Amino acid sequence: MKDSTVSARVEYDVKNKAEDILQQLGIPVSVVINSLYRQIIFTHGIPFPLTVPSAPKTMDTLTEAELNEKLEHSYQQSLHGEGKPFNEVFDELERSLV
């Protein structure tokens, strides 16, 4: 029996974006919260890693050998058709920033 209420303050944009996605999926917010709580009980913790990702190396921090290795790897990928067109890469980046 559902007889308890959860109240939390979240950023306005975060709430709206998340609720828009849930609405498109046809999933009520309460179902997601209840599922998260059940996973916390099941795993005895947060059901996903809470870590600070390491920042990728930038060109100015790479040694000349590391840079050449990356360039060679990229070149070999392009020769084998394993890369993506740059327009597609930039489109994906733009979508991830929205």
PDB file of N, CA and C in Angstrom:
ATOM      1  N   MET A   1       0.838  -1.171   0.000  1.00  0.00           N
ATOM      2  CA  MET A   1       0.000   0.000   0.000  1.00  0.00           C
ATOM      3  C   MET A   1       0.887   1.239   0.000  1.00  0.00           C
ATOM      4  N   LYS A   2       0.613   2.162  -0.916  1.00  0.00           N
ATOM      5  CA  LYS A   2       1.378   3.399  -1.008  1.00  0.00           C
ATOM      6  C   LYS A   2       0.758   4.423  -0.065  1.00  0.00           C
ATOM      7  N   ASP A   3       1.474   4.706   1.037  1.00  0.00           N
ATOM      8  CA  ASP A   3       0.929   5.626   2.032  1.00  0.00           C
ATOM      9  C   ASP A   3       1.966   6.626   2.544  1.00  0.00           C
ATOM     10  N   SER A   4       2.997   6.884   1.726  1.00  0.00           N
ATOM     11  CA  SER A   4       4.034   7.814   2.135  1.00  0.00           C
ATOM     12  C   SER A   4       4.368   8.746   0.977  1.00  0.00           C
ATOM     13  N   THR A   5       4.763   9.963   1.306  1.00  0.00           N
ATOM     14  CA  THR A   5       5.083  10.961   0.297  1.00  0.00           C
ATOM     15  C   THR A   5       6.556  11.334   0.394  1.00  0.00           C
ATOM     16  N   VAL A   6       7.184  11.522  -0.758  1.00  0.00           N
ATOM     17  CA  VAL A   6       8.572  11.965  -0.824  1.00  0.00           C
ATOM     18  C   VAL A   6       8.554  13.374  -1.406  1.00  0.00           C
ATOM     19  N   SER A   7       9.302  14.269  -0.778  1.00  0.00           N
ATOM     20  CA  SER A   7       9.392  15.636  -1.272  1.00  0.00           C
ATOM     21  C   SER A   7      10.864  15.996  -1.409  1.00  0.00           C
ATOM     22  N   ALA A   8      11.219  16.551  -2.563  1.00  0.00           N
ATOM     23  CA  ALA A   8      12.612  16.923  -2.798  1.00  0.00           C
ATOM     24  C   ALA A   8      12.657  18.181  -3.646  1.00  0.00           C
ATOM     25  N   ARG A   9      13.639  19.030  -3.381  1.00  0.00           N
ATOM     26  CA  ARG A   9      13.835  20.233  -4.190  1.00  0.00           C
ATOM     27  C   ARG A   9      14.888  19.921  -5.244  1.00  0.00           C
ATOM     28  N   VAL A  10      14.542  20.176  -6.497  1.00  0.00           N
ATOM     29  CA  VAL A  10      15.461  19.942  -7.600  1.00  0.00           C
ATOM     30  C   VAL A  10      15.464  21.175  -8.504  1.00  0.00           C
ATOM     31  N   GLU A  11      16.464  21.272  -9.342  1.00  0.00           N
ATOM     32  CA  GLU A  11      16.537  22.388 -10.278  1.00  0.00           C
ATOM     33  C   GLU A  11      15.372  22.313 -11.259  1.00  0.00           C
ATOM     34  N   TYR A  12      14.811  23.468 -11.561  1.00  0.00           N
ATOM     35  CA  TYR A  12      13.631  23.567 -12.420  1.00  0.00           C
ATOM     36  C   TYR A  12      13.857  22.896 -13.777  1.00  0.00           C
ATOM     37  N   ASP A  13      14.973  23.235 -14.446  1.00  0.00           N
ATOM     38  CA  ASP A  13      15.244  22.673 -15.774  1.00  0.00           C
ATOM     39  C   ASP A  13      15.443  21.167 -15.730  1.00  0.00           C
ATOM     40  N   VAL A  14      16.142  20.691 -14.698  1.00  0.00           N
ATOM     41  CA  VAL A  14      16.379  19.253 -14.559  1.00  0.00           C
ATOM     42  C   VAL A  14      15.053  18.516 -14.409  1.00  0.00           C
ATOM     43  N   LYS A  15      14.201  19.049 -13.552  1.00  0.00           N
ATOM     44  CA  LYS A  15      12.883  18.441 -13.326  1.00  0.00           C
ATOM     45  C   LYS A  15      12.074  18.392 -14.625  1.00  0.00           C
ATOM     46  N   ASN A  16      12.022  19.514 -15.331  1.00  0.00           N
ATOM     47  CA  ASN A  16      11.218  19.569 -16.557  1.00  0.00           C
ATOM     48  C   ASN A  16      11.754  18.648 -17.641  1.00  0.00           C
ATOM     49  N   LYS A  17      13.067  18.638 -17.830  1.00  0.00           N
ATOM     50  CA  LYS A  17      13.648  17.769 -18.859  1.00  0.00           C
ATOM     51  C   LYS A  17      13.392  16.298 -18.541  1.00  0.00           C
ATOM     52  N   ALA A  18      13.596  15.925 -17.285  1.00  0.00           N
ATOM     53  CA  ALA A  18      13.373  14.531 -16.883  1.00  0.00           C
ATOM     54  C   ALA A  18      11.904  14.144 -17.028  1.00  0.00           C
ATOM     55  N   GLU A  19      11.009  15.024 -16.594  1.00  0.00           N
ATOM     56  CA  GLU A  19       9.578  14.708 -16.683  1.00  0.00           C
ATOM     57  C   GLU A  19       9.100  14.648 -18.134  1.00  0.00           C
ATOM     58  N   ASP A  20       9.695  15.469 -19.011  1.00  0.00           N
ATOM     59  CA  ASP A  20       9.345  15.388 -20.433  1.00  0.00           C
ATOM     60  C   ASP A  20       9.711  14.020 -20.994  1.00  0.00           C
ATOM     61  N   ILE A  21      10.888  13.536 -20.639  1.00  0.00           N
ATOM     62  CA  ILE A  21      11.335  12.214 -21.116  1.00  0.00           C
ATOM     63  C   ILE A  21      10.440  11.121 -20.553  1.00  0.00           C
ATOM     64  N   LEU A  22      10.140  11.195 -19.264  1.00  0.00           N
ATOM     65  CA  LEU A  22       9.271  10.184 -18.653  1.00  0.00           C
ATOM     66  C   LEU A  22       7.880  10.202 -19.289  1.00  0.00           C
ATOM     67  N   GLN A  23       7.377  11.390 -19.611  1.00  0.00           N
ATOM     68  CA  GLN A  23       6.064  11.481 -20.261  1.00  0.00           C
ATOM     69  C   GLN A  23       6.092  10.812 -21.627  1.00  0.00           C
ATOM     70  N   GLN A  24       7.174  11.027 -22.380  1.00  0.00           N
ATOM     71  CA  GLN A  24       7.300  10.384 -23.690  1.00  0.00           C
ATOM     72  C   GLN A  24       7.340   8.870 -23.547  1.00  0.00           C
ATOM     73  N   LEU A  25       7.941   8.396 -22.452  1.00  0.00           N
ATOM     74  CA  LEU A  25       8.016   6.954 -22.205  1.00  0.00           C
ATOM     75  C   LEU A  25       6.735   6.401 -21.593  1.00  0.00           C
ATOM     76  N   GLY A  26       5.862   7.301 -21.130  1.00  0.00           N
ATOM     77  CA  GLY A  26       4.613   6.868 -20.505  1.00  0.00           C
ATOM     78  C   GLY A  26       4.816   6.321 -19.102  1.00  0.00           C
ATOM     79  N   ILE A  27       5.837   6.832 -18.401  1.00  0.00           N
ATOM     80  CA  ILE A  27       6.152   6.344 -17.058  1.00  0.00           C
ATOM     81  C   ILE A  27       5.932   7.469 -16.053  1.00  0.00           C
ATOM     82  N   PRO A  28       5.069   7.276 -15.070  1.00  0.00           N
ATOM     83  CA  PRO A  28       4.871   8.299 -14.044  1.00  0.00           C
ATOM     84  C   PRO A  28       6.128   8.480 -13.176  1.00  0.00           C
ATOM     85  N   VAL A  29       6.346   9.712 -12.721  1.00  0.00           N
ATOM     86  CA  VAL A  29       7.496  10.015 -11.869  1.00  0.00           C
ATOM     87  C   VAL A  29       7.493   9.120 -10.629  1.00  0.00           C
ATOM     88  N   SER A  30       6.324   8.883 -10.059  1.00  0.00           N
ATOM     89  CA  SER A  30       6.245   8.072  -8.843  1.00  0.00           C
ATOM     90  C   SER A  30       6.763   6.649  -9.067  1.00  0.00           C
ATOM     91  N   VAL A  31       6.559   6.121 -10.268  1.00  0.00           N
ATOM     92  CA  VAL A  31       7.054   4.774 -10.582  1.00  0.00           C
ATOM     93  C   VAL A  31       8.582   4.773 -10.594  1.00  0.00           C
ATOM     94  N   VAL A  32       9.182   5.816 -11.160  1.00  0.00           N
ATOM     95  CA  VAL A  32      10.640   5.905 -11.212  1.00  0.00           C
ATOM     96  C   VAL A  32      11.219   6.028  -9.795  1.00  0.00           C
ATOM     97  N   ILE A  33      10.624   6.880  -8.975  1.00  0.00           N
ATOM     98  CA  ILE A  33      11.108   7.064  -7.604  1.00  0.00           C
ATOM     99  C   ILE A  33      10.954   5.764  -6.818  1.00  0.00           C
ATOM    100  N   ASN A  34       9.820   5.116  -6.945  1.00  0.00           N
ATOM    101  CA  ASN A  34       9.605   3.850  -6.247  1.00  0.00           C
ATOM    102  C   ASN A  34      10.614   2.794  -6.713  1.00  0.00           C
ATOM    103  N   SER A  35      10.882   2.755  -8.017  1.00  0.00           N
ATOM    104  CA  SER A  35      11.861   1.802  -8.554  1.00  0.00           C
ATOM    105  C   SER A  35      13.255   2.094  -8.024  1.00  0.00           C
ATOM    106  N   LEU A  36      13.625   3.366  -7.955  1.00  0.00           N
ATOM    107  CA  LEU A  36      14.933   3.735  -7.412  1.00  0.00           C
ATOM    108  C   LEU A  36      15.042   3.296  -5.955  1.00  0.00           C
ATOM    109  N   TYR A  37      14.042   3.567  -5.163  1.00  0.00           N
ATOM    110  CA  TYR A  37      14.068   3.157  -3.754  1.00  0.00           C
ATOM    111  C   TYR A  37      14.189   1.637  -3.623  1.00  0.00           C
ATOM    112  N   ARG A  38      13.466   0.893  -4.460  1.00  0.00           N
ATOM    113  CA  ARG A  38      13.559  -0.570  -4.413  1.00  0.00           C
ATOM    114  C   ARG A  38      14.954  -1.059  -4.787  1.00  0.00           C
ATOM    115  N   GLN A  39      15.591  -0.399  -5.765  1.00  0.00           N
ATOM    116  CA  GLN A  39      16.949  -0.771  -6.142  1.00  0.00           C
ATOM    117  C   GLN A  39      17.941  -0.445  -5.028  1.00  0.00           C
ATOM    118  N   ILE A  40      17.731   0.663  -4.331  1.00  0.00           N
ATOM    119  CA  ILE A  40      18.584   0.998  -3.193  1.00  0.00           C
ATOM    120  C   ILE A  40      18.482  -0.096  -2.130  1.00  0.00           C
ATOM    121  N   ILE A  41      17.280  -0.565  -1.873  1.00  0.00           N
ATOM    122  CA  ILE A  41      17.078  -1.656  -0.902  1.00  0.00           C
ATOM    123  C   ILE A  41      17.749  -2.929  -1.401  1.00  0.00           C
ATOM    124  N   PHE A  42      17.532  -3.256  -2.664  1.00  0.00           N
ATOM    125  CA  PHE A  42      18.063  -4.491  -3.244  1.00  0.00           C
ATOM    126  C   PHE A  42      19.586  -4.511  -3.239  1.00  0.00           C
ATOM    127  N   THR A  43      20.214  -3.380  -3.592  1.00  0.00           N
ATOM    128  CA  THR A  43      21.674  -3.338  -3.695  1.00  0.00           C
ATOM    129  C   THR A  43      22.354  -2.878  -2.412  1.00  0.00           C
ATOM    130  N   HIS A  44      21.544  -2.472  -1.435  1.00  0.00           N
ATOM    131  CA  HIS A  44      22.086  -1.917  -0.185  1.00  0.00           C
ATOM    132  C   HIS A  44      22.984  -0.717  -0.456  1.00  0.00           C
ATOM    133  N   GLY A  45      22.596   0.102  -1.422  1.00  0.00           N
ATOM    134  CA  GLY A  45      23.365   1.292  -1.777  1.00  0.00           C
ATOM    135  C   GLY A  45      22.776   1.946  -3.009  1.00  0.00           C
ATOM    136  N   ILE A  46      23.489   2.927  -3.502  1.00  0.00           N
ATOM    137  CA  ILE A  46      23.066   3.609  -4.717  1.00  0.00           C
ATOM    138  C   ILE A  46      23.300   2.654  -5.887  1.00  0.00           C
ATOM    139  N   PRO A  47      22.291   2.428  -6.748  1.00  0.00           N
ATOM    140  CA  PRO A  47      22.407   1.416  -7.798  1.00  0.00           C
ATOM    141  C   PRO A  47      23.183   1.848  -9.041  1.00  0.00           C
ATOM    142  N   PHE A  48      24.000   2.861  -8.915  1.00  0.00           N
ATOM    143  CA  PHE A  48      24.867   3.291 -10.010  1.00  0.00           C
ATOM    144  C   PHE A  48      26.089   3.940  -9.381  1.00  0.00           C
ATOM    145  N   PRO A  49      27.202   3.960 -10.109  1.00  0.00           N
ATOM    146  CA  PRO A  49      28.428   4.502  -9.511  1.00  0.00           C
ATOM    147  C   PRO A  49      28.348   6.018  -9.337  1.00  0.00           C
ATOM    148  N   LEU A  50      28.805   6.473  -8.195  1.00  0.00           N
ATOM    149  CA  LEU A  50      28.908   7.903  -7.934  1.00  0.00           C
ATOM    150  C   LEU A  50      30.397   8.232  -7.892  1.00  0.00           C
ATOM    151  N   THR A  51      30.939   8.546  -9.042  1.00  0.00           N
ATOM    152  CA  THR A  51      32.365   8.823  -9.139  1.00  0.00           C
ATOM    153  C   THR A  51      32.586  10.102  -9.928  1.00  0.00           C
ATOM    154  N   VAL A  52      33.727  10.687  -9.715  1.00  0.00           N
ATOM    155  CA  VAL A  52      34.122  11.841 -10.502  1.00  0.00           C
ATOM    156  C   VAL A  52      34.931  11.312 -11.673  1.00  0.00           C
ATOM    157  N   PRO A  53      34.446  11.511 -12.904  1.00  0.00           N
ATOM    158  CA  PRO A  53      35.187  10.982 -14.052  1.00  0.00           C
ATOM    159  C   PRO A  53      36.518  11.714 -14.198  1.00  0.00           C
ATOM    160  N   SER A  54      37.517  10.977 -14.633  1.00  0.00           N
ATOM    161  CA  SER A  54      38.803  11.628 -14.870  1.00  0.00           C
ATOM    162  C   SER A  54      38.707  12.425 -16.155  1.00  0.00           C
ATOM    163  N   ALA A  55      39.319  13.572 -16.148  1.00  0.00           N
ATOM    164  CA  ALA A  55      39.281  14.438 -17.325  1.00  0.00           C
ATOM    165  C   ALA A  55      40.176  13.850 -18.405  1.00  0.00           C
ATOM    166  N   PRO A  56      39.721  13.876 -19.651  1.00  0.00           N
ATOM    167  CA  PRO A  56      40.571  13.371 -20.720  1.00  0.00           C
ATOM    168  C   PRO A  56      41.790  14.273 -20.884  1.00  0.00           C
ATOM    169  N   LYS A  57      42.869  13.682 -21.345  1.00  0.00           N
ATOM    170  CA  LYS A  57      44.071  14.471 -21.582  1.00  0.00           C
ATOM    171  C   LYS A  57      43.822  15.428 -22.744  1.00  0.00           C
ATOM    172  N   THR A  58      44.372  16.600 -22.623  1.00  0.00           N
ATOM    173  CA  THR A  58      44.288  17.566 -23.712  1.00  0.00           C
ATOM    174  C   THR A  58      45.588  17.551 -24.494  1.00  0.00           C
ATOM    175  N   MET A  59      45.542  18.122 -25.692  1.00  0.00           N
ATOM    176  CA  MET A  59      46.737  18.093 -26.551  1.00  0.00           C
ATOM    177  C   MET A  59      47.959  18.680 -25.855  1.00  0.00           C
ATOM    178  N   ASP A  60      47.772  19.721 -25.066  1.00  0.00           N
ATOM    179  CA  ASP A  60      48.915  20.367 -24.439  1.00  0.00           C
ATOM    180  C   ASP A  60      49.514  19.557 -23.294  1.00  0.00           C
ATOM    181  N   THR A  61      48.834  18.493 -22.854  1.00  0.00           N
ATOM    182  CA  THR A  61      49.390  17.654 -21.787  1.00  0.00           C
ATOM    183  C   THR A  61      49.949  16.340 -22.323  1.00  0.00           C
ATOM    184  N   LEU A  62      49.734  16.044 -23.616  1.00  0.00           N
ATOM    185  CA  LEU A  62      50.249  14.811 -24.210  1.00  0.00           C
ATOM    186  C   LEU A  62      51.732  14.967 -24.563  1.00  0.00           C
ATOM    187  N   THR A  63      52.463  13.887 -24.398  1.00  0.00           N
ATOM    188  CA  THR A  63      53.831  13.893 -24.902  1.00  0.00           C
ATOM    189  C   THR A  63      53.760  13.777 -26.423  1.00  0.00           C
ATOM    190  N   GLU A  64      54.849  14.060 -27.080  1.00  0.00           N
ATOM    191  CA  GLU A  64      54.873  13.953 -28.544  1.00  0.00           C
ATOM    192  C   GLU A  64      54.586  12.516 -28.980  1.00  0.00           C
ATOM    193  N   ALA A  65      55.111  11.541 -28.225  1.00  0.00           N
ATOM    194  CA  ALA A  65      54.885  10.131 -28.558  1.00  0.00           C
ATOM    195  C   ALA A  65      53.400   9.769 -28.389  1.00  0.00           C
ATOM    196  N   GLU A  66      52.755  10.258 -27.309  1.00  0.00           N
ATOM    197  CA  GLU A  66      51.330   9.972 -27.090  1.00  0.00           C
ATOM    198  C   GLU A  66      50.481  10.595 -28.196  1.00  0.00           C
ATOM    199  N   LEU A  67      50.810  11.827 -28.572  1.00  0.00           N
ATOM    200  CA  LEU A  67      50.067  12.493 -29.634  1.00  0.00           C
ATOM    201  C   LEU A  67      50.223  11.743 -30.948  1.00  0.00           C
ATOM    202  N   ASN A  68      51.439  11.357 -31.280  1.00  0.00           N
ATOM    203  CA  ASN A  68      51.667  10.609 -32.517  1.00  0.00           C
ATOM    204  C   ASN A  68      50.930   9.273 -32.515  1.00  0.00           C
ATOM    205  N   GLU A  69      50.890   8.623 -31.360  1.00  0.00           N
ATOM    206  CA  GLU A  69      50.169   7.347 -31.250  1.00  0.00           C
ATOM    207  C   GLU A  69      48.677   7.549 -31.512  1.00  0.00           C
ATOM    208  N   LYS A  70      48.104   8.591 -30.932  1.00  0.00           N
ATOM    209  CA  LYS A  70      46.685   8.875 -31.147  1.00  0.00           C
ATOM    210  C   LYS A  70      46.404   9.224 -32.611  1.00  0.00           C
ATOM    211  N   LEU A  71      47.278  10.029 -33.194  1.00  0.00           N
ATOM    212  CA  LEU A  71      47.096  10.394 -34.603  1.00  0.00           C
ATOM    213  C   LEU A  71      47.199   9.168 -35.508  1.00  0.00           C
ATOM    214  N   GLU A  72      48.157   8.304 -35.232  1.00  0.00           N
ATOM    215  CA  GLU A  72      48.317   7.082 -36.032  1.00  0.00           C
ATOM    216  C   GLU A  72      47.101   6.181 -35.892  1.00  0.00           C
ATOM    217  N   HIS A  73      46.605   6.040 -34.658  1.00  0.00           N
ATOM    218  CA  HIS A  73      45.417   5.221 -34.413  1.00  0.00           C
ATOM    219  C   HIS A  73      44.224   5.774 -35.206  1.00  0.00           C
ATOM    220  N   SER A  74      44.039   7.089 -35.148  1.00  0.00           N
ATOM    221  CA  SER A  74      42.933   7.721 -35.873  1.00  0.00           C
ATOM    222  C   SER A  74      43.095   7.541 -37.373  1.00  0.00           C
ATOM    223  N   TYR A  75      44.307   7.668 -37.846  1.00  0.00           N
ATOM    224  CA  TYR A  75      44.570   7.492 -39.277  1.00  0.00           C
ATOM    225  C   TYR A  75      44.224   6.070 -39.717  1.00  0.00           C
ATOM    226  N   GLN A  76      44.635   5.084 -38.928  1.00  0.00           N
ATOM    227  CA  GLN A  76      44.333   3.686 -39.261  1.00  0.00           C
ATOM    228  C   GLN A  76      42.821   3.444 -39.252  1.00  0.00           C
ATOM    229  N   GLN A  77      42.115   4.041 -38.280  1.00  0.00           N
ATOM    230  CA  GLN A  77      40.658   3.913 -38.250  1.00  0.00           C
ATOM    231  C   GLN A  77      40.041   4.474 -39.533  1.00  0.00           C
ATOM    232  N   SER A  78      40.532   5.622 -39.967  1.00  0.00           N
ATOM    233  CA  SER A  78      39.960   6.219 -41.167  1.00  0.00           C
ATOM    234  C   SER A  78      40.236   5.367 -42.402  1.00  0.00           C
ATOM    235  N   LEU A  79      41.414   4.752 -42.454  1.00  0.00           N
ATOM    236  CA  LEU A  79      41.725   3.882 -43.590  1.00  0.00           C
ATOM    237  C   LEU A  79      40.796   2.673 -43.654  1.00  0.00           C
ATOM    238  N   HIS A  80      40.365   2.199 -42.490  1.00  0.00           N
ATOM    239  CA  HIS A  80      39.494   1.024 -42.416  1.00  0.00           C
ATOM    240  C   HIS A  80      38.007   1.382 -42.340  1.00  0.00           C
ATOM    241  N   GLY A  81      37.698   2.662 -42.527  1.00  0.00           N
ATOM    242  CA  GLY A  81      36.294   3.088 -42.503  1.00  0.00           C
ATOM    243  C   GLY A  81      35.643   2.964 -41.146  1.00  0.00           C
ATOM    244  N   GLU A  82      36.427   3.030 -40.076  1.00  0.00           N
ATOM    245  CA  GLU A  82      35.887   2.852 -38.728  1.00  0.00           C
ATOM    246  C   GLU A  82      35.488   4.158 -38.056  1.00  0.00           C
ATOM    247  N   GLY A  83      35.803   5.269 -38.656  1.00  0.00           N
ATOM    248  CA  GLY A  83      35.486   6.554 -38.047  1.00  0.00           C
ATOM    249  C   GLY A  83      34.082   7.010 -38.391  1.00  0.00           C
ATOM    250  N   LYS A  84      33.740   8.179 -37.855  1.00  0.00           N
ATOM    251  CA  LYS A  84      32.457   8.805 -38.156  1.00  0.00           C
ATOM    252  C   LYS A  84      32.730  10.097 -38.911  1.00  0.00           C
ATOM    253  N   PRO A  85      31.835  10.475 -39.797  1.00  0.00           N
ATOM    254  CA  PRO A  85      31.981  11.778 -40.446  1.00  0.00           C
ATOM    255  C   PRO A  85      31.942  12.894 -39.395  1.00  0.00           C
ATOM    256  N   PHE A  86      32.774  13.912 -39.590  1.00  0.00           N
ATOM    257  CA  PHE A  86      32.871  14.943 -38.563  1.00  0.00           C
ATOM    258  C   PHE A  86      31.544  15.649 -38.326  1.00  0.00           C
ATOM    259  N   ASN A  87      30.700  15.777 -39.344  1.00  0.00           N
ATOM    260  CA  ASN A  87      29.387  16.403 -39.139  1.00  0.00           C
ATOM    261  C   ASN A  87      28.552  15.607 -38.143  1.00  0.00           C
ATOM    262  N   GLU A  88      28.626  14.296 -38.228  1.00  0.00           N
ATOM    263  CA  GLU A  88      27.883  13.437 -37.305  1.00  0.00           C
ATOM    264  C   GLU A  88      28.411  13.593 -35.875  1.00  0.00           C
ATOM    265  N   VAL A  89      29.727  13.677 -35.735  1.00  0.00           N
ATOM    266  CA  VAL A  89      30.340  13.848 -34.406  1.00  0.00           C
ATOM    267  C   VAL A  89      29.885  15.164 -33.797  1.00  0.00           C
ATOM    268  N   PHE A  90      29.940  16.247 -34.571  1.00  0.00           N
ATOM    269  CA  PHE A  90      29.535  17.550 -34.045  1.00  0.00           C
ATOM    270  C   PHE A  90      28.036  17.595 -33.745  1.00  0.00           C
ATOM    271  N   ASP A  91      27.230  16.930 -34.554  1.00  0.00           N
ATOM    272  CA  ASP A  91      25.796  16.860 -34.265  1.00  0.00           C
ATOM    273  C   ASP A  91      25.549  16.167 -32.933  1.00  0.00           C
ATOM    274  N   GLU A  92      26.267  15.065 -32.669  1.00  0.00           N
ATOM    275  CA  GLU A  92      26.113  14.352 -31.404  1.00  0.00           C
ATOM    276  C   GLU A  92      26.556  15.225 -30.234  1.00  0.00           C
ATOM    277  N   LEU A  93      27.651  15.943 -30.406  1.00  0.00           N
ATOM    278  CA  LEU A  93      28.119  16.836 -29.345  1.00  0.00           C
ATOM    279  C   LEU A  93      27.096  17.922 -29.047  1.00  0.00           C
ATOM    280  N   GLU A  94      26.537  18.507 -30.088  1.00  0.00           N
ATOM    281  CA  GLU A  94      25.543  19.549 -29.889  1.00  0.00           C
ATOM    282  C   GLU A  94      24.307  19.012 -29.178  1.00  0.00           C
ATOM    283  N   ARG A  95      23.861  17.809 -29.548  1.00  0.00           N
ATOM    284  CA  ARG A  95      22.688  17.214 -28.893  1.00  0.00           C
ATOM    285  C   ARG A  95      22.971  16.938 -27.420  1.00  0.00           C
ATOM    286  N   SER A  96      24.201  16.558 -27.081  1.00  0.00           N
ATOM    287  CA  SER A  96      24.511  16.248 -25.688  1.00  0.00           C
ATOM    288  C   SER A  96      24.607  17.500 -24.835  1.00  0.00           C
ATOM    289  N   LEU A  97      24.761  18.665 -25.448  1.00  0.00           N
ATOM    290  CA  LEU A  97      24.866  19.911 -24.702  1.00  0.00           C
ATOM    291  C   LEU A  97      23.532  20.575 -24.465  1.00  0.00           C
ATOM    292  N   VAL A  98      22.499  20.095 -25.118  1.00  0.00           N
ATOM    293  CA  VAL A  98      21.171  20.704 -24.994  1.00  0.00           C
ATOM    294  C   VAL A  98      20.479  20.238 -23.743  1.00  0.00           C
TER     295      VAL A  98
END
